[in-house]
């Protein structure tokens, strides 16, 4: 046999060995799906050989003696064995809300599509606003209040009346809109039209296109 044939036969043997090892070990995904990963209860306490331990660890094994006997409870699921209904029951949807429908309408649609009892969102977005709307389902609705205090961040496009030659003027104008600001809701609004105070923590100018009068 030539050297090429010998090398090819050796490569084939190595491939067979690798495939055999993979078949014996199995993939981790299949192992997680098939195995229970549960510690089986024991009615006895195994003895520990402390003859080779140093003197400072004398009687150390007697400090905490606890048997391995317990009653396994049929509750909970491993992540890969958890049913889809359980995921939905404790689910939180990170939704990109489109323009025009209100937040209440979007939440009602999700409730009807998923056929769940309760849905709630972590903060109202105006109908014309698009962006992140967090929707909690069933048992997760109790987390809504913890998310409502996280604050909001808006990205908008402002159209200027004329071209601005100095960029510093725009920065100074944004500084005046930072902090406690008086605000009145528009004519078409779901809340009462009364003067109120809203706190704006920071306003940043990302892009200024003076030729197109956009900011």
N, C-alpha and C. Protein backbone atom coordinates (compact mmCIF):
# COMPACT_ATOMS: atom_id res chain seq x y z
N UNK A 1 0.83 -1.21 0.00
CA UNK A 1 0.00 0.00 0.00
C UNK A 1 0.87 1.27 0.00
N UNK A 2 0.42 2.26 -0.72
CA UNK A 2 1.18 3.50 -0.77
C UNK A 2 0.94 4.33 0.49
N UNK A 3 1.74 5.39 0.63
CA UNK A 3 1.61 6.26 1.81
C UNK A 3 0.27 7.01 1.79
N UNK A 4 -0.21 7.37 0.60
CA UNK A 4 -1.49 8.08 0.52
C UNK A 4 -2.65 7.21 0.99
N UNK A 5 -2.62 5.93 0.59
CA UNK A 5 -3.69 5.02 1.00
C UNK A 5 -3.66 4.79 2.50
N UNK A 6 -2.45 4.69 3.07
CA UNK A 6 -2.33 4.49 4.52
C UNK A 6 -2.86 5.71 5.28
N UNK A 7 -2.50 6.90 4.81
CA UNK A 7 -2.98 8.12 5.49
C UNK A 7 -4.50 8.25 5.39
N UNK A 8 -5.07 7.88 4.23
CA UNK A 8 -6.52 7.95 4.08
C UNK A 8 -7.22 6.96 5.01
N UNK A 9 -6.68 5.75 5.12
CA UNK A 9 -7.29 4.75 6.01
C UNK A 9 -7.20 5.19 7.47
N UNK A 10 -6.09 5.84 7.85
CA UNK A 10 -5.96 6.35 9.22
C UNK A 10 -6.98 7.46 9.49
N UNK A 11 -7.19 8.33 8.50
CA UNK A 11 -8.18 9.39 8.67
C UNK A 11 -9.59 8.82 8.84
N UNK A 12 -9.90 7.76 8.06
CA UNK A 12 -11.21 7.14 8.19
C UNK A 12 -11.40 6.53 9.57
N UNK A 13 -10.35 5.89 10.10
CA UNK A 13 -10.43 5.30 11.43
C UNK A 13 -10.66 6.38 12.49
N UNK A 14 -9.95 7.50 12.36
CA UNK A 14 -10.13 8.59 13.32
C UNK A 14 -11.55 9.14 13.28
N UNK A 15 -12.11 9.28 12.06
CA UNK A 15 -13.49 9.77 11.94
C UNK A 15 -14.48 8.82 12.59
N UNK A 16 -14.25 7.50 12.40
CA UNK A 16 -15.13 6.51 13.02
C UNK A 16 -15.05 6.58 14.54
N UNK A 17 -13.82 6.76 15.06
CA UNK A 17 -13.66 6.86 16.51
C UNK A 17 -14.38 8.09 17.06
N UNK A 18 -14.25 9.22 16.34
CA UNK A 18 -14.92 10.45 16.80
C UNK A 18 -16.43 10.30 16.79
N UNK A 19 -16.95 9.70 15.71
CA UNK A 19 -18.40 9.51 15.64
C UNK A 19 -18.89 8.56 16.72
N UNK A 20 -18.09 7.53 17.04
CA UNK A 20 -18.46 6.60 18.11
C UNK A 20 -18.45 7.27 19.47
N UNK A 21 -17.44 8.15 19.71
CA UNK A 21 -17.38 8.88 20.98
C UNK A 21 -18.56 9.82 21.12
N UNK A 22 -18.93 10.51 20.02
CA UNK A 22 -20.08 11.43 20.08
C UNK A 22 -21.37 10.68 20.33
N UNK A 23 -21.49 9.48 19.75
CA UNK A 23 -22.71 8.69 19.98
C UNK A 23 -22.80 8.23 21.42
N UNK A 24 -21.64 7.93 22.05
CA UNK A 24 -21.66 7.49 23.44
C UNK A 24 -21.97 8.64 24.38
N UNK A 25 -21.29 9.78 24.17
CA UNK A 25 -21.52 10.92 25.06
C UNK A 25 -22.88 11.55 24.82
N UNK A 26 -23.29 11.71 23.54
CA UNK A 26 -24.56 12.35 23.23
C UNK A 26 -24.46 13.86 23.29
N UNK A 27 -25.40 14.52 22.68
CA UNK A 27 -25.42 15.97 22.69
C UNK A 27 -25.96 16.48 24.01
N UNK A 28 -25.48 17.66 24.47
CA UNK A 28 -25.98 18.19 25.75
C UNK A 28 -27.46 18.54 25.72
N UNK A 29 -27.97 18.97 24.55
CA UNK A 29 -29.39 19.32 24.47
C UNK A 29 -30.28 18.10 24.70
N UNK A 30 -29.91 16.99 24.07
CA UNK A 30 -30.72 15.78 24.26
C UNK A 30 -30.62 15.27 25.68
N UNK A 31 -29.44 15.43 26.30
CA UNK A 31 -29.28 14.99 27.69
C UNK A 31 -30.15 15.83 28.62
N UNK A 32 -30.25 17.14 28.37
CA UNK A 32 -31.07 17.99 29.21
C UNK A 32 -32.55 17.70 29.03
N UNK A 33 -32.94 17.30 27.82
CA UNK A 33 -34.35 17.01 27.58
C UNK A 33 -34.76 15.67 28.19
N UNK A 34 -33.85 14.69 28.15
CA UNK A 34 -34.20 13.35 28.61
C UNK A 34 -33.99 13.19 30.12
N UNK A 35 -32.89 13.75 30.66
CA UNK A 35 -32.57 13.54 32.07
C UNK A 35 -33.41 14.47 32.95
N UNK A 36 -33.55 14.10 34.22
CA UNK A 36 -34.33 14.88 35.18
C UNK A 36 -33.47 15.81 36.01
N UNK A 37 -32.16 15.51 36.15
CA UNK A 37 -31.25 16.31 36.96
C UNK A 37 -31.80 16.48 38.38
N UNK A 38 -32.24 15.39 38.98
CA UNK A 38 -32.82 15.42 40.31
C UNK A 38 -31.97 14.57 41.25
N UNK A 39 -31.70 15.08 42.44
CA UNK A 39 -30.97 14.32 43.45
C UNK A 39 -31.93 13.34 44.09
N UNK A 40 -31.64 12.07 43.99
CA UNK A 40 -32.53 11.06 44.52
C UNK A 40 -32.41 11.00 46.05
N UNK A 41 -33.54 10.82 46.75
CA UNK A 41 -33.49 10.78 48.21
C UNK A 41 -32.81 9.51 48.71
N UNK A 42 -32.14 9.64 49.87
CA UNK A 42 -31.46 8.52 50.50
C UNK A 42 -31.98 8.36 51.93
N UNK A 43 -32.07 7.13 52.36
CA UNK A 43 -32.54 6.85 53.72
C UNK A 43 -31.40 6.68 54.71
N UNK A 44 -30.16 6.78 54.26
CA UNK A 44 -29.01 6.60 55.15
C UNK A 44 -27.99 7.69 54.86
N UNK A 45 -27.11 7.93 55.84
CA UNK A 45 -26.06 8.92 55.70
C UNK A 45 -24.74 8.22 55.40
N UNK A 46 -24.10 8.46 54.28
CA UNK A 46 -22.84 7.78 53.98
C UNK A 46 -21.73 8.22 54.92
N UNK A 47 -20.87 7.30 55.26
CA UNK A 47 -19.75 7.60 56.17
C UNK A 47 -18.61 8.24 55.40
N UNK A 48 -17.86 9.09 56.09
CA UNK A 48 -16.74 9.80 55.49
C UNK A 48 -15.46 9.32 56.15
N UNK A 49 -14.47 8.98 55.33
CA UNK A 49 -13.18 8.51 55.84
C UNK A 49 -12.34 9.72 56.23
N UNK A 50 -12.17 9.94 57.53
CA UNK A 50 -11.42 11.09 58.04
C UNK A 50 -10.06 10.68 58.60
N UNK A 51 -9.59 9.49 58.26
CA UNK A 51 -8.31 9.03 58.81
C UNK A 51 -7.13 9.82 58.28
N UNK A 52 -7.24 10.34 57.06
CA UNK A 52 -6.14 11.08 56.45
C UNK A 52 -6.28 12.60 56.64
N UNK A 53 -7.27 13.05 57.38
CA UNK A 53 -7.44 14.48 57.59
C UNK A 53 -6.42 14.99 58.60
N UNK A 54 -6.02 16.27 58.53
CA UNK A 54 -5.08 16.82 59.52
C UNK A 54 -5.74 16.98 60.89
N UNK A 55 -4.92 17.23 61.89
CA UNK A 55 -5.43 17.31 63.28
C UNK A 55 -6.38 18.50 63.45
N UNK A 56 -6.12 19.59 62.75
CA UNK A 56 -6.98 20.77 62.91
C UNK A 56 -8.41 20.52 62.44
N UNK A 57 -8.60 19.50 61.61
CA UNK A 57 -9.94 19.16 61.13
C UNK A 57 -10.53 17.98 61.87
N UNK A 58 -10.05 17.72 63.06
CA UNK A 58 -10.58 16.61 63.85
C UNK A 58 -12.03 16.90 64.26
N UNK A 59 -12.90 15.93 64.08
CA UNK A 59 -14.34 16.03 64.39
C UNK A 59 -15.04 17.11 63.55
N UNK A 60 -14.39 17.55 62.49
CA UNK A 60 -15.02 18.57 61.64
C UNK A 60 -16.24 18.00 60.91
N UNK A 61 -16.20 16.72 60.61
CA UNK A 61 -17.30 16.10 59.88
C UNK A 61 -18.55 15.95 60.72
N UNK A 62 -18.44 16.15 62.04
CA UNK A 62 -19.60 16.00 62.93
C UNK A 62 -20.30 17.33 63.23
N UNK A 63 -19.79 18.41 62.70
CA UNK A 63 -20.38 19.71 63.00
C UNK A 63 -21.78 19.84 62.40
N UNK A 64 -21.95 19.36 61.20
CA UNK A 64 -23.25 19.47 60.52
C UNK A 64 -23.58 18.11 59.92
N UNK A 65 -24.47 17.40 60.57
CA UNK A 65 -24.87 16.08 60.12
C UNK A 65 -26.30 16.17 59.60
N UNK A 66 -26.46 15.85 58.35
CA UNK A 66 -27.79 15.95 57.74
C UNK A 66 -27.98 14.78 56.77
N UNK A 67 -29.07 14.11 56.90
CA UNK A 67 -29.33 12.97 56.03
C UNK A 67 -29.77 13.44 54.64
N UNK A 68 -29.65 12.57 53.68
CA UNK A 68 -30.08 12.87 52.33
C UNK A 68 -31.52 12.48 52.07
N UNK A 69 -32.29 12.20 53.12
CA UNK A 69 -33.68 11.78 52.94
C UNK A 69 -34.59 13.01 52.87
N UNK A 70 -35.40 13.09 51.86
CA UNK A 70 -36.37 14.17 51.72
C UNK A 70 -37.51 13.67 50.84
N UNK A 71 -38.57 14.42 50.85
CA UNK A 71 -39.74 14.07 50.05
C UNK A 71 -39.75 14.91 48.78
N UNK A 72 -39.52 14.32 47.61
CA UNK A 72 -39.52 15.11 46.37
C UNK A 72 -40.93 15.62 46.05
N UNK A 73 -41.04 16.91 45.79
CA UNK A 73 -42.33 17.54 45.49
C UNK A 73 -42.51 17.64 43.97
N UNK A 74 -43.67 17.26 43.46
CA UNK A 74 -43.90 17.32 42.01
C UNK A 74 -44.27 18.74 41.56
N UNK A 75 -43.36 19.69 41.74
CA UNK A 75 -43.64 21.07 41.34
C UNK A 75 -42.42 21.64 40.64
N UNK A 76 -42.67 22.57 39.74
CA UNK A 76 -41.58 23.18 38.99
C UNK A 76 -41.18 22.36 37.78
N UNK A 77 -40.46 23.02 36.89
CA UNK A 77 -40.01 22.39 35.65
C UNK A 77 -38.57 22.81 35.38
N UNK A 78 -37.84 21.92 34.73
CA UNK A 78 -36.55 22.32 34.19
C UNK A 78 -36.81 23.19 32.96
N UNK A 79 -35.88 24.10 32.60
CA UNK A 79 -36.17 25.05 31.51
C UNK A 79 -36.58 24.40 30.20
N UNK A 80 -35.96 23.28 29.82
CA UNK A 80 -36.27 22.66 28.54
C UNK A 80 -37.54 21.81 28.59
N UNK A 81 -38.03 21.51 29.79
CA UNK A 81 -39.26 20.72 29.92
C UNK A 81 -40.46 21.57 30.34
N UNK A 82 -40.24 22.87 30.51
CA UNK A 82 -41.33 23.75 30.93
C UNK A 82 -42.32 23.92 29.77
N UNK A 83 -43.61 23.71 30.00
CA UNK A 83 -44.59 23.85 28.90
C UNK A 83 -44.75 25.30 28.47
N UNK A 84 -45.24 25.49 27.26
CA UNK A 84 -45.40 26.83 26.70
C UNK A 84 -46.42 27.65 27.48
N UNK A 85 -47.45 27.00 28.01
CA UNK A 85 -48.47 27.73 28.79
C UNK A 85 -47.87 28.35 30.04
N UNK A 86 -46.86 27.69 30.62
CA UNK A 86 -46.21 28.23 31.82
C UNK A 86 -45.36 29.44 31.48
N UNK A 87 -44.72 29.41 30.32
CA UNK A 87 -43.95 30.58 29.88
C UNK A 87 -44.88 31.78 29.66
N UNK A 88 -46.04 31.54 29.06
CA UNK A 88 -46.98 32.63 28.81
C UNK A 88 -47.55 33.16 30.11
N UNK A 89 -47.78 32.29 31.09
CA UNK A 89 -48.38 32.71 32.35
C UNK A 89 -47.49 33.70 33.10
N UNK A 90 -46.18 33.53 33.01
CA UNK A 90 -45.24 34.43 33.67
C UNK A 90 -44.47 35.28 32.65
N UNK A 91 -45.07 35.53 31.48
CA UNK A 91 -44.34 36.13 30.37
C UNK A 91 -44.33 37.65 30.41
N UNK A 92 -43.27 38.20 29.82
CA UNK A 92 -43.12 39.64 29.62
C UNK A 92 -42.73 39.85 28.16
N UNK A 93 -43.52 40.63 27.43
CA UNK A 93 -43.27 40.89 26.01
C UNK A 93 -42.62 42.25 25.85
N UNK A 94 -41.50 42.28 25.14
CA UNK A 94 -40.83 43.53 24.80
C UNK A 94 -41.25 43.89 23.38
N UNK A 95 -42.28 44.72 23.28
CA UNK A 95 -42.97 44.95 22.01
C UNK A 95 -42.54 46.28 21.39
N UNK A 96 -42.34 46.28 20.08
CA UNK A 96 -42.09 47.51 19.33
C UNK A 96 -43.43 48.03 18.82
N UNK A 97 -44.00 48.99 19.54
CA UNK A 97 -45.35 49.48 19.21
C UNK A 97 -45.32 50.29 17.92
N UNK A 98 -46.23 49.99 17.00
CA UNK A 98 -46.30 50.79 15.77
C UNK A 98 -47.05 52.11 16.03
N UNK A 99 -47.04 52.97 15.04
CA UNK A 99 -47.75 54.24 15.15
C UNK A 99 -49.25 54.03 14.97
N UNK A 100 -50.01 55.01 15.45
CA UNK A 100 -51.48 55.11 15.34
C UNK A 100 -52.23 54.35 16.44
N UNK A 101 -52.08 53.04 16.65
CA UNK A 101 -52.85 52.43 17.75
C UNK A 101 -52.32 52.87 19.11
N UNK A 102 -53.24 53.01 20.07
CA UNK A 102 -52.84 53.40 21.42
C UNK A 102 -52.28 52.19 22.17
N UNK A 103 -51.65 52.48 23.30
CA UNK A 103 -51.07 51.39 24.11
C UNK A 103 -52.17 50.47 24.63
N UNK A 104 -53.32 51.04 24.99
CA UNK A 104 -54.43 50.23 25.49
C UNK A 104 -54.94 49.28 24.41
N UNK A 105 -55.01 49.74 23.18
CA UNK A 105 -55.46 48.88 22.08
C UNK A 105 -54.48 47.73 21.85
N UNK A 106 -53.18 48.03 21.88
CA UNK A 106 -52.17 46.98 21.66
C UNK A 106 -52.24 45.92 22.75
N UNK A 107 -52.41 46.36 23.99
CA UNK A 107 -52.50 45.40 25.10
C UNK A 107 -53.76 44.55 24.97
N UNK A 108 -54.87 45.15 24.53
CA UNK A 108 -56.11 44.39 24.32
C UNK A 108 -55.95 43.36 23.20
N UNK A 109 -55.22 43.71 22.15
CA UNK A 109 -54.98 42.76 21.07
C UNK A 109 -54.18 41.56 21.57
N UNK A 110 -53.14 41.83 22.37
CA UNK A 110 -52.31 40.73 22.90
C UNK A 110 -53.14 39.83 23.80
N UNK A 111 -54.02 40.42 24.61
CA UNK A 111 -54.87 39.63 25.49
C UNK A 111 -55.79 38.71 24.69
N UNK A 112 -56.32 39.22 23.58
CA UNK A 112 -57.22 38.41 22.76
C UNK A 112 -56.45 37.35 21.96
N UNK A 113 -55.27 37.68 21.48
CA UNK A 113 -54.49 36.72 20.67
C UNK A 113 -53.99 35.57 21.53
N UNK A 114 -53.45 35.88 22.72
CA UNK A 114 -52.89 34.84 23.58
C UNK A 114 -53.95 34.15 24.44
N UNK A 115 -55.17 34.73 24.51
CA UNK A 115 -56.26 34.15 25.29
C UNK A 115 -55.87 34.00 26.76
N UNK A 116 -55.44 35.11 27.35
CA UNK A 116 -55.05 35.14 28.75
C UNK A 116 -56.04 35.98 29.53
N UNK A 117 -55.96 35.89 30.86
CA UNK A 117 -56.91 36.60 31.71
C UNK A 117 -56.52 38.06 31.94
N UNK A 118 -55.23 38.31 32.14
CA UNK A 118 -54.80 39.66 32.49
C UNK A 118 -53.59 40.05 31.64
N UNK A 119 -53.56 41.32 31.26
CA UNK A 119 -52.40 41.92 30.60
C UNK A 119 -52.24 43.35 31.11
N UNK A 120 -51.03 43.83 31.12
CA UNK A 120 -50.77 45.20 31.57
C UNK A 120 -49.47 45.69 30.96
N UNK A 121 -49.38 47.01 30.76
CA UNK A 121 -48.16 47.59 30.19
C UNK A 121 -47.48 48.47 31.23
N UNK A 122 -46.19 48.70 31.02
CA UNK A 122 -45.37 49.39 32.01
C UNK A 122 -45.35 50.90 31.82
N UNK A 123 -46.07 51.42 30.87
CA UNK A 123 -46.10 52.87 30.67
C UNK A 123 -46.77 53.20 29.35
N UNK A 124 -47.64 54.21 29.37
CA UNK A 124 -48.41 54.55 28.17
C UNK A 124 -47.55 55.31 27.17
N UNK A 125 -47.61 54.88 25.92
CA UNK A 125 -47.02 55.63 24.81
C UNK A 125 -48.14 56.29 24.02
N UNK A 126 -47.90 57.51 23.57
CA UNK A 126 -48.89 58.22 22.76
C UNK A 126 -49.16 57.45 21.47
N UNK A 127 -50.36 57.61 20.89
CA UNK A 127 -50.69 56.84 19.68
C UNK A 127 -49.71 57.03 18.53
N UNK A 128 -49.21 58.25 18.33
CA UNK A 128 -48.29 58.51 17.22
C UNK A 128 -46.85 58.10 17.53
N UNK A 129 -46.58 57.72 18.76
CA UNK A 129 -45.21 57.36 19.17
C UNK A 129 -44.97 55.89 18.89
N UNK A 130 -43.83 55.58 18.31
CA UNK A 130 -43.40 54.20 18.11
C UNK A 130 -42.24 53.91 19.06
N UNK A 131 -42.14 52.67 19.51
CA UNK A 131 -41.03 52.35 20.39
C UNK A 131 -41.33 51.20 21.32
N UNK A 132 -40.54 51.12 22.38
CA UNK A 132 -40.55 49.99 23.29
C UNK A 132 -41.76 50.07 24.23
N UNK A 133 -42.58 49.02 24.20
CA UNK A 133 -43.73 48.90 25.10
C UNK A 133 -43.65 47.53 25.77
N UNK A 134 -43.44 47.53 27.07
CA UNK A 134 -43.31 46.28 27.83
C UNK A 134 -44.70 45.85 28.28
N UNK A 135 -45.11 44.65 27.88
CA UNK A 135 -46.43 44.10 28.21
C UNK A 135 -46.24 42.89 29.10
N UNK A 136 -46.87 42.91 30.28
CA UNK A 136 -46.80 41.80 31.23
C UNK A 136 -48.08 40.97 31.13
N UNK A 137 -47.94 39.66 31.32
CA UNK A 137 -49.04 38.73 31.12
C UNK A 137 -49.32 37.99 32.43
N UNK A 138 -50.60 37.89 32.80
CA UNK A 138 -51.08 37.11 33.94
C UNK A 138 -50.28 37.38 35.21
N UNK A 139 -49.49 36.41 35.67
CA UNK A 139 -48.80 36.54 36.95
C UNK A 139 -47.72 37.62 36.93
N UNK A 140 -47.25 37.97 35.75
CA UNK A 140 -46.19 38.99 35.64
C UNK A 140 -46.73 40.41 35.74
N UNK A 141 -48.06 40.59 35.78
CA UNK A 141 -48.62 41.94 35.85
C UNK A 141 -48.29 42.64 37.16
N UNK A 142 -47.93 41.88 38.19
CA UNK A 142 -47.57 42.50 39.47
C UNK A 142 -46.23 43.24 39.38
N UNK A 143 -45.47 43.03 38.31
CA UNK A 143 -44.19 43.71 38.12
C UNK A 143 -44.34 45.03 37.37
N UNK A 144 -45.56 45.40 37.01
CA UNK A 144 -45.76 46.60 36.19
C UNK A 144 -45.31 47.85 36.92
N UNK A 145 -45.64 48.00 38.19
CA UNK A 145 -45.30 49.22 38.93
C UNK A 145 -43.80 49.39 39.08
N UNK A 146 -43.07 48.29 39.20
CA UNK A 146 -41.62 48.39 39.32
C UNK A 146 -40.98 48.89 38.03
N UNK A 147 -41.64 48.67 36.90
CA UNK A 147 -41.10 49.12 35.62
C UNK A 147 -41.56 50.54 35.27
N UNK A 148 -42.68 50.97 35.84
CA UNK A 148 -43.18 52.30 35.51
C UNK A 148 -42.29 53.40 36.05
N UNK A 149 -41.57 53.13 37.14
CA UNK A 149 -40.69 54.15 37.70
C UNK A 149 -39.32 54.20 37.06
N UNK A 150 -39.09 53.43 36.01
CA UNK A 150 -37.76 53.40 35.38
C UNK A 150 -37.52 54.60 34.47
N UNK A 151 -38.54 55.39 34.16
CA UNK A 151 -38.38 56.55 33.30
C UNK A 151 -38.50 56.20 31.83
N UNK A 152 -38.54 57.22 31.00
CA UNK A 152 -38.68 57.05 29.55
C UNK A 152 -37.64 57.89 28.82
N UNK A 153 -37.34 57.46 27.62
CA UNK A 153 -36.40 58.19 26.77
C UNK A 153 -37.00 58.28 25.37
N UNK A 154 -37.12 59.51 24.86
CA UNK A 154 -37.74 59.74 23.56
C UNK A 154 -36.69 60.23 22.56
N UNK A 155 -36.82 59.79 21.32
CA UNK A 155 -36.01 60.28 20.20
C UNK A 155 -36.97 60.88 19.18
N UNK A 156 -36.79 62.15 18.86
CA UNK A 156 -37.73 62.83 17.98
C UNK A 156 -36.98 63.65 16.93
N UNK A 157 -37.72 64.10 15.93
CA UNK A 157 -37.20 64.96 14.87
C UNK A 157 -37.93 66.30 14.98
N UNK A 158 -37.15 67.39 15.14
CA UNK A 158 -37.72 68.73 15.27
C UNK A 158 -37.46 69.51 13.98
N UNK A 159 -38.51 70.13 13.47
CA UNK A 159 -38.38 70.95 12.25
C UNK A 159 -38.27 72.42 12.67
N UNK A 160 -37.18 73.08 12.24
CA UNK A 160 -36.92 74.47 12.61
C UNK A 160 -37.54 75.41 11.58
N UNK A 161 -37.82 76.67 12.00
CA UNK A 161 -38.43 77.65 11.10
C UNK A 161 -37.43 78.16 10.07
N UNK A 162 -36.16 78.23 10.45
CA UNK A 162 -35.13 78.73 9.53
C UNK A 162 -33.81 78.03 9.85
N UNK A 163 -32.84 78.21 8.98
CA UNK A 163 -31.53 77.60 9.19
C UNK A 163 -30.83 78.24 10.38
N UNK A 164 -30.11 77.43 11.15
CA UNK A 164 -29.41 77.91 12.34
C UNK A 164 -27.92 77.91 12.04
N UNK A 165 -27.29 79.09 11.93
CA UNK A 165 -25.86 79.10 11.61
C UNK A 165 -24.99 78.67 12.79
N UNK A 166 -25.45 78.94 14.00
CA UNK A 166 -24.65 78.63 15.20
C UNK A 166 -25.28 77.44 15.92
N UNK A 167 -24.49 76.37 16.07
CA UNK A 167 -24.99 75.17 16.75
C UNK A 167 -25.16 75.41 18.24
N UNK A 168 -24.39 76.33 18.80
CA UNK A 168 -24.45 76.59 20.24
C UNK A 168 -25.82 77.13 20.64
N UNK A 169 -26.50 77.82 19.73
CA UNK A 169 -27.83 78.33 20.06
C UNK A 169 -28.82 77.19 20.31
N UNK A 170 -28.70 76.14 19.53
CA UNK A 170 -29.58 74.98 19.73
C UNK A 170 -29.28 74.32 21.07
N UNK A 171 -28.00 74.22 21.43
CA UNK A 171 -27.63 73.62 22.71
C UNK A 171 -28.16 74.44 23.87
N UNK A 172 -28.08 75.78 23.77
CA UNK A 172 -28.60 76.64 24.84
C UNK A 172 -30.12 76.52 24.95
N UNK A 173 -30.79 76.39 23.81
CA UNK A 173 -32.25 76.23 23.84
C UNK A 173 -32.65 74.92 24.50
N UNK A 174 -31.87 73.87 24.27
CA UNK A 174 -32.17 72.59 24.91
C UNK A 174 -31.93 72.64 26.41
N UNK A 175 -30.95 73.44 26.84
CA UNK A 175 -30.69 73.57 28.28
C UNK A 175 -31.86 74.23 29.00
N UNK A 176 -32.53 75.15 28.34
CA UNK A 176 -33.69 75.79 28.98
C UNK A 176 -34.86 74.82 29.15
N UNK A 177 -34.88 73.75 28.35
CA UNK A 177 -35.95 72.75 28.46
C UNK A 177 -35.59 71.60 29.38
N UNK A 178 -34.54 71.75 30.18
CA UNK A 178 -34.11 70.71 31.10
C UNK A 178 -34.54 71.07 32.52
N UNK A 179 -35.00 70.07 33.26
CA UNK A 179 -35.47 70.28 34.63
C UNK A 179 -36.98 70.27 34.70
N UNK A 180 -37.54 70.99 35.69
CA UNK A 180 -38.99 71.07 35.85
C UNK A 180 -39.57 72.03 34.81
N UNK A 181 -40.49 71.53 34.00
CA UNK A 181 -41.06 72.30 32.89
C UNK A 181 -42.58 72.28 33.00
N UNK A 182 -43.21 73.47 32.80
CA UNK A 182 -44.67 73.52 32.75
C UNK A 182 -45.14 72.92 31.43
N UNK A 183 -46.20 72.16 31.50
CA UNK A 183 -46.69 71.45 30.32
C UNK A 183 -48.20 71.35 30.37
N UNK A 184 -48.84 71.49 29.20
CA UNK A 184 -50.29 71.33 29.10
C UNK A 184 -50.58 70.31 28.00
N UNK A 185 -51.41 69.31 28.26
CA UNK A 185 -51.72 68.31 27.23
C UNK A 185 -52.37 68.95 26.01
N UNK A 186 -52.25 68.35 24.83
CA UNK A 186 -52.86 68.91 23.61
C UNK A 186 -54.38 68.81 23.64
N UNK A 187 -55.02 69.36 22.61
CA UNK A 187 -56.48 69.37 22.55
C UNK A 187 -57.06 67.96 22.53
N UNK A 188 -56.47 67.09 21.74
CA UNK A 188 -56.92 65.70 21.68
C UNK A 188 -56.01 64.89 22.60
N UNK A 189 -56.51 64.58 23.77
CA UNK A 189 -55.69 63.87 24.76
C UNK A 189 -56.59 63.04 25.65
N UNK A 190 -56.03 61.94 26.19
CA UNK A 190 -56.80 61.06 27.06
C UNK A 190 -56.84 61.57 28.49
N UNK A 191 -55.97 62.53 28.84
CA UNK A 191 -55.92 63.06 30.21
C UNK A 191 -56.55 64.45 30.23
N UNK A 192 -56.79 64.95 31.42
CA UNK A 192 -57.41 66.25 31.59
C UNK A 192 -56.45 67.36 31.15
N UNK A 193 -56.97 68.33 30.41
CA UNK A 193 -56.14 69.44 29.92
C UNK A 193 -55.98 70.47 31.02
N UNK A 194 -54.97 70.30 31.84
CA UNK A 194 -54.64 71.26 32.87
C UNK A 194 -53.12 71.43 32.94
N UNK A 195 -52.70 72.58 33.39
CA UNK A 195 -51.27 72.87 33.47
C UNK A 195 -50.63 71.97 34.52
N UNK A 196 -49.53 71.33 34.14
CA UNK A 196 -48.86 70.40 35.04
C UNK A 196 -47.35 70.57 34.90
N UNK A 197 -46.63 69.99 35.83
CA UNK A 197 -45.16 70.07 35.84
C UNK A 197 -44.59 68.70 35.53
N UNK A 198 -43.69 68.65 34.57
CA UNK A 198 -42.99 67.42 34.21
C UNK A 198 -41.49 67.68 34.27
N UNK A 199 -40.75 66.71 34.76
CA UNK A 199 -39.30 66.85 34.91
C UNK A 199 -38.59 66.19 33.74
N UNK A 200 -37.79 66.98 33.02
CA UNK A 200 -36.96 66.48 31.93
C UNK A 200 -35.52 66.45 32.44
N UNK A 201 -34.95 65.28 32.56
CA UNK A 201 -33.63 65.15 33.18
C UNK A 201 -32.49 65.50 32.21
N UNK A 202 -32.66 65.22 30.95
CA UNK A 202 -31.56 65.47 30.01
C UNK A 202 -32.11 65.58 28.59
N UNK A 203 -31.56 66.53 27.82
CA UNK A 203 -31.91 66.69 26.41
C UNK A 203 -30.62 66.76 25.61
N UNK A 204 -30.47 65.87 24.66
CA UNK A 204 -29.25 65.78 23.86
C UNK A 204 -29.57 66.00 22.39
N UNK A 205 -28.72 66.77 21.72
CA UNK A 205 -28.84 66.96 20.27
C UNK A 205 -27.94 65.93 19.59
N UNK A 206 -28.55 65.06 18.82
CA UNK A 206 -27.79 64.00 18.16
C UNK A 206 -27.29 64.45 16.78
N UNK A 207 -28.17 64.98 15.94
CA UNK A 207 -27.82 65.41 14.58
C UNK A 207 -28.52 66.73 14.30
N UNK A 208 -27.79 67.67 13.66
CA UNK A 208 -28.37 68.94 13.23
C UNK A 208 -28.08 69.11 11.74
N UNK A 209 -29.14 69.19 10.94
CA UNK A 209 -29.02 69.43 9.51
C UNK A 209 -29.60 70.81 9.22
N UNK A 210 -28.69 71.79 9.26
CA UNK A 210 -29.14 73.18 9.14
C UNK A 210 -29.72 73.46 7.76
N UNK A 211 -29.19 72.83 6.71
CA UNK A 211 -29.70 73.08 5.36
C UNK A 211 -31.13 72.61 5.20
N UNK A 212 -31.49 71.49 5.82
CA UNK A 212 -32.85 70.96 5.72
C UNK A 212 -33.74 71.43 6.87
N UNK A 213 -33.18 72.24 7.77
CA UNK A 213 -33.91 72.79 8.92
C UNK A 213 -34.47 71.68 9.82
N UNK A 214 -33.66 70.65 10.03
CA UNK A 214 -34.06 69.53 10.87
C UNK A 214 -33.04 69.34 11.99
N UNK A 215 -33.55 68.90 13.13
CA UNK A 215 -32.69 68.64 14.28
C UNK A 215 -33.13 67.35 14.94
